[in-house]
Amino acid sequence: RIAFYCIEAASKGGETILARNADLTKYVSTELQQFVKEHGGILYRREYYDERRNPNPSSDIHRHMGSWQKKTGTNDEKDAISFFTNLGFSLEGVNFDEEGTLIVENVHPGFIKDDDDREVWFNVLYMGLFKLAVGTS
């Protein structure tokens, strides 16, 4: 059994999609599936702001993702990088920019094999925080 509950309701939006991947695949057009495959998958990018330099971020994306200090539980940049590499992210995909923002990127093919060995849609394109792996939006 799986249970989901809300401790604090979202002020706007706030939805969680629960669905079987095989069922979702039926609603993804063949053209989109092929397009993602031809372009090497989906490049996901997350940006976590530095709360020491920017305690009140103005951008929605930074407020949504939070600070890297809160995400990783450390104030040390090397430990923050290790947090993500220990989760399986490549070292090349975890970097700090000149403003102290921690940028975490990974490529996902967009599909996985289910228990019946069917290729099914598996990604979060609806969030809008992606590019195709070759860099095409």
C-alpha atoms as a PDB file:
ATOM      1  CA  ARG A   1       0.000   0.000   0.000  1.00  0.00           C
ATOM      2  CA  ILE A   2       1.040   3.542  -0.703  1.00  0.00           C
ATOM      3  CA  ALA A   3      -0.414   6.574   1.036  1.00  0.00           C
ATOM      4  CA  PHE A   4       0.002  10.230   0.135  1.00  0.00           C
ATOM      5  CA  TYR A   5      -1.119  13.124   2.269  1.00  0.00           C
ATOM      6  CA  CYS A   6      -0.643  16.859   2.431  1.00  0.00           C
ATOM      7  CA  ILE A   7       0.778  18.489   5.550  1.00  0.00           C
ATOM      8  CA  GLU A   8       0.402  21.979   4.119  1.00  0.00           C
ATOM      9  CA  ALA A   9      -1.791  22.707   1.104  1.00  0.00           C
ATOM     10  CA  ALA A  10      -0.167  24.536  -1.815  1.00  0.00           C
ATOM     11  CA  SER A  11      -1.202  28.166  -2.149  1.00  0.00           C
ATOM     12  CA  LYS A  12      -1.744  27.533  -5.872  1.00  0.00           C
ATOM     13  CA  GLY A  13      -1.314  24.552  -8.168  1.00  0.00           C
ATOM     14  CA  GLY A  14      -0.283  21.636  -6.027  1.00  0.00           C
ATOM     15  CA  GLU A  15      -0.999  18.371  -7.742  1.00  0.00           C
ATOM     16  CA  THR A  16       0.595  14.961  -7.723  1.00  0.00           C
ATOM     17  CA  ILE A  17       0.172  12.694 -10.690  1.00  0.00           C
ATOM     18  CA  LEU A  18      -0.498   9.075  -9.823  1.00  0.00           C
ATOM     19  CA  ALA A  19      -0.688   6.780 -12.792  1.00  0.00           C
ATOM     20  CA  ARG A  20       0.750   3.620 -14.234  1.00  0.00           C
ATOM     21  CA  ASN A  21       3.541   4.370 -16.681  1.00  0.00           C
ATOM     22  CA  ALA A  22       2.091   1.924 -19.204  1.00  0.00           C
ATOM     23  CA  ASP A  23      -1.199   3.849 -19.090  1.00  0.00           C
ATOM     24  CA  LEU A  24       0.558   7.198 -19.514  1.00  0.00           C
ATOM     25  CA  THR A  25       2.439   5.910 -22.545  1.00  0.00           C
ATOM     26  CA  LYS A  26      -0.867   5.470 -24.384  1.00  0.00           C
ATOM     27  CA  TYR A  27      -1.436   9.239 -24.179  1.00  0.00           C
ATOM     28  CA  VAL A  28       1.998  10.291 -25.430  1.00  0.00           C
ATOM     29  CA  SER A  29       1.930  10.756 -29.173  1.00  0.00           C
ATOM     30  CA  THR A  30       4.086   8.488 -31.298  1.00  0.00           C
ATOM     31  CA  GLU A  31       5.690  11.623 -32.740  1.00  0.00           C
ATOM     32  CA  LEU A  32       6.754  12.892 -29.313  1.00  0.00           C
ATOM     33  CA  GLN A  33       8.051   9.477 -28.271  1.00  0.00           C
ATOM     34  CA  GLN A  34      10.140   9.233 -31.431  1.00  0.00           C
ATOM     35  CA  PHE A  35      11.341  12.822 -31.097  1.00  0.00           C
ATOM     36  CA  VAL A  36      12.639  12.209 -27.558  1.00  0.00           C
ATOM     37  CA  LYS A  37      14.360   8.989 -28.649  1.00  0.00           C
ATOM     38  CA  GLU A  38      15.979  10.637 -31.692  1.00  0.00           C
ATOM     39  CA  HIS A  39      17.369  13.465 -29.556  1.00  0.00           C
ATOM     40  CA  GLY A  40      19.039  11.261 -26.964  1.00  0.00           C
ATOM     41  CA  GLY A  41      16.512  11.626 -24.163  1.00  0.00           C
ATOM     42  CA  ILE A  42      15.778  14.510 -21.845  1.00  0.00           C
ATOM     43  CA  LEU A  43      18.268  16.721 -20.049  1.00  0.00           C
ATOM     44  CA  TYR A  44      16.940  17.608 -16.595  1.00  0.00           C
ATOM     45  CA  ARG A  45      18.410  20.660 -14.886  1.00  0.00           C
ATOM     46  CA  ARG A  46      17.857  21.693 -11.288  1.00  0.00           C
ATOM     47  CA  GLU A  47      19.191  24.927  -9.811  1.00  0.00           C
ATOM     48  CA  TYR A  48      19.565  25.325  -6.058  1.00  0.00           C
ATOM     49  CA  TYR A  49      20.388  28.842  -4.884  1.00  0.00           C
ATOM     50  CA  ASP A  50      23.045  29.771  -2.325  1.00  0.00           C
ATOM     51  CA  GLU A  51      21.186  31.001   0.760  1.00  0.00           C
ATOM     52  CA  ARG A  52      24.326  32.763   2.028  1.00  0.00           C
ATOM     53  CA  ARG A  53      24.410  35.041  -1.025  1.00  0.00           C
ATOM     54  CA  ASN A  54      20.713  35.169  -1.787  1.00  0.00           C
ATOM     55  CA  PRO A  55      18.547  34.487   1.293  1.00  0.00           C
ATOM     56  CA  ASN A  56      15.376  35.716  -0.486  1.00  0.00           C
ATOM     57  CA  PRO A  57      15.521  34.586  -4.120  1.00  0.00           C
ATOM     58  CA  SER A  58      13.300  36.483  -6.518  1.00  0.00           C
ATOM     59  CA  SER A  59      12.993  33.851  -9.215  1.00  0.00           C
ATOM     60  CA  ASP A  60      10.175  31.316  -8.992  1.00  0.00           C
ATOM     61  CA  ILE A  61      12.453  28.466  -9.986  1.00  0.00           C
ATOM     62  CA  HIS A  62      14.854  29.160  -7.123  1.00  0.00           C
ATOM     63  CA  ARG A  63      12.040  29.477  -4.594  1.00  0.00           C
ATOM     64  CA  HIS A  64      10.588  26.185  -5.851  1.00  0.00           C
ATOM     65  CA  MET A  65      13.831  24.174  -5.770  1.00  0.00           C
ATOM     66  CA  GLY A  66      15.198  25.753  -2.581  1.00  0.00           C
ATOM     67  CA  SER A  67      18.748  26.301  -1.466  1.00  0.00           C
ATOM     68  CA  TRP A  68      21.485  23.757  -1.924  1.00  0.00           C
ATOM     69  CA  GLN A  69      22.239  24.054   1.780  1.00  0.00           C
ATOM     70  CA  LYS A  70      18.743  22.880   2.713  1.00  0.00           C
ATOM     71  CA  LYS A  71      18.682  20.210   0.001  1.00  0.00           C
ATOM     72  CA  THR A  72      22.027  18.685   0.967  1.00  0.00           C
ATOM     73  CA  GLY A  73      22.120  19.425   4.697  1.00  0.00           C
ATOM     74  CA  THR A  74      25.546  21.082   4.512  1.00  0.00           C
ATOM     75  CA  ASN A  75      27.162  24.474   3.993  1.00  0.00           C
ATOM     76  CA  ASP A  76      30.254  22.934   2.403  1.00  0.00           C
ATOM     77  CA  GLU A  77      30.328  22.967  -1.411  1.00  0.00           C
ATOM     78  CA  LYS A  78      32.389  19.768  -1.705  1.00  0.00           C
ATOM     79  CA  ASP A  79      29.987  17.933   0.616  1.00  0.00           C
ATOM     80  CA  ALA A  80      27.050  19.254  -1.415  1.00  0.00           C
ATOM     81  CA  ILE A  81      28.578  17.849  -4.601  1.00  0.00           C
ATOM     82  CA  SER A  82      29.187  14.529  -2.824  1.00  0.00           C
ATOM     83  CA  PHE A  83      25.534  14.462  -1.752  1.00  0.00           C
ATOM     84  CA  PHE A  84      24.471  14.322  -5.404  1.00  0.00           C
ATOM     85  CA  THR A  85      27.251  12.040  -6.657  1.00  0.00           C
ATOM     86  CA  ASN A  86      26.376   9.592  -3.860  1.00  0.00           C
ATOM     87  CA  LEU A  87      22.835   9.564  -5.279  1.00  0.00           C
ATOM     88  CA  GLY A  88      24.236   8.480  -8.646  1.00  0.00           C
ATOM     89  CA  PHE A  89      24.631  11.810 -10.442  1.00  0.00           C
ATOM     90  CA  SER A  90      27.833  12.138 -12.452  1.00  0.00           C
ATOM     91  CA  LEU A  91      30.485  14.518 -11.171  1.00  0.00           C
ATOM     92  CA  GLU A  92      30.345  16.347 -14.527  1.00  0.00           C
ATOM     93  CA  GLY A  93      26.642  17.039 -13.964  1.00  0.00           C
ATOM     94  CA  VAL A  94      27.025  18.728 -10.557  1.00  0.00           C
ATOM     95  CA  ASN A  95      28.581  22.198 -10.616  1.00  0.00           C
ATOM     96  CA  PHE A  96      28.495  25.589  -8.956  1.00  0.00           C
ATOM     97  CA  ASP A  97      28.169  28.718 -11.087  1.00  0.00           C
ATOM     98  CA  GLU A  98      29.796  32.093 -10.383  1.00  0.00           C
ATOM     99  CA  GLU A  99      26.826  33.170  -8.199  1.00  0.00           C
ATOM    100  CA  GLY A 100      27.090  30.100  -5.955  1.00  0.00           C
ATOM    101  CA  THR A 101      24.074  28.385  -7.492  1.00  0.00           C
ATOM    102  CA  LEU A 102      24.402  24.598  -7.509  1.00  0.00           C
ATOM    103  CA  ILE A 103      23.380  23.249 -10.906  1.00  0.00           C
ATOM    104  CA  VAL A 104      22.546  19.554 -11.132  1.00  0.00           C
ATOM    105  CA  GLU A 105      21.974  17.973 -14.545  1.00  0.00           C
ATOM    106  CA  ASN A 106      21.282  14.471 -15.738  1.00  0.00           C
ATOM    107  CA  VAL A 107      20.046  12.873 -18.942  1.00  0.00           C
ATOM    108  CA  HIS A 108      17.189  10.390 -18.854  1.00  0.00           C
ATOM    109  CA  PRO A 109      16.129   8.455 -21.957  1.00  0.00           C
ATOM    110  CA  GLY A 110      12.447   9.190 -21.308  1.00  0.00           C
ATOM    111  CA  PHE A 111      11.520   5.501 -21.207  1.00  0.00           C
ATOM    112  CA  ILE A 112      12.017   2.485 -18.977  1.00  0.00           C
ATOM    113  CA  LYS A 113      11.204  -1.204 -19.331  1.00  0.00           C
ATOM    114  CA  ASP A 114       8.332  -2.334 -17.136  1.00  0.00           C
ATOM    115  CA  ASP A 115       7.925  -5.759 -15.514  1.00  0.00           C
ATOM    116  CA  ASP A 116       6.448  -7.087 -18.757  1.00  0.00           C
ATOM    117  CA  ASP A 117       9.486  -5.817 -20.690  1.00  0.00           C
ATOM    118  CA  ARG A 118       7.415  -3.106 -22.398  1.00  0.00           C
ATOM    119  CA  GLU A 119       9.016   0.253 -23.084  1.00  0.00           C
ATOM    120  CA  VAL A 120       6.996   2.827 -21.144  1.00  0.00           C
ATOM    121  CA  TRP A 121       7.109   6.607 -20.811  1.00  0.00           C
ATOM    122  CA  PHE A 122       8.960   7.684 -17.665  1.00  0.00           C
ATOM    123  CA  ASN A 123       9.766  11.341 -17.097  1.00  0.00           C
ATOM    124  CA  VAL A 124       8.449  14.633 -15.781  1.00  0.00           C
ATOM    125  CA  LEU A 125       8.245  16.763 -18.916  1.00  0.00           C
ATOM    126  CA  TYR A 126       5.137  18.483 -17.574  1.00  0.00           C
ATOM    127  CA  MET A 127       7.351  20.419 -15.115  1.00  0.00           C
ATOM    128  CA  GLY A 128       8.922  22.365 -17.966  1.00  0.00           C
ATOM    129  CA  LEU A 129      12.454  22.141 -16.525  1.00  0.00           C
ATOM    130  CA  PHE A 130      14.071  20.262 -19.364  1.00  0.00           C
ATOM    131  CA  LYS A 131      15.817  20.323 -22.704  1.00  0.00           C
ATOM    132  CA  LEU A 132      16.408  17.482 -25.070  1.00  0.00           C
ATOM    133  CA  ALA A 133      19.742  15.838 -24.400  1.00  0.00           C
ATOM    134  CA  VAL A 134      21.290  17.352 -27.541  1.00  0.00           C
ATOM    135  CA  GLY A 135      20.306  20.827 -26.294  1.00  0.00           C
ATOM    136  CA  THR A 136      17.164  21.413 -28.336  1.00  0.00           C
ATOM    137  CA  SER A 137      14.301  22.884 -26.305  1.00  0.00           C
END
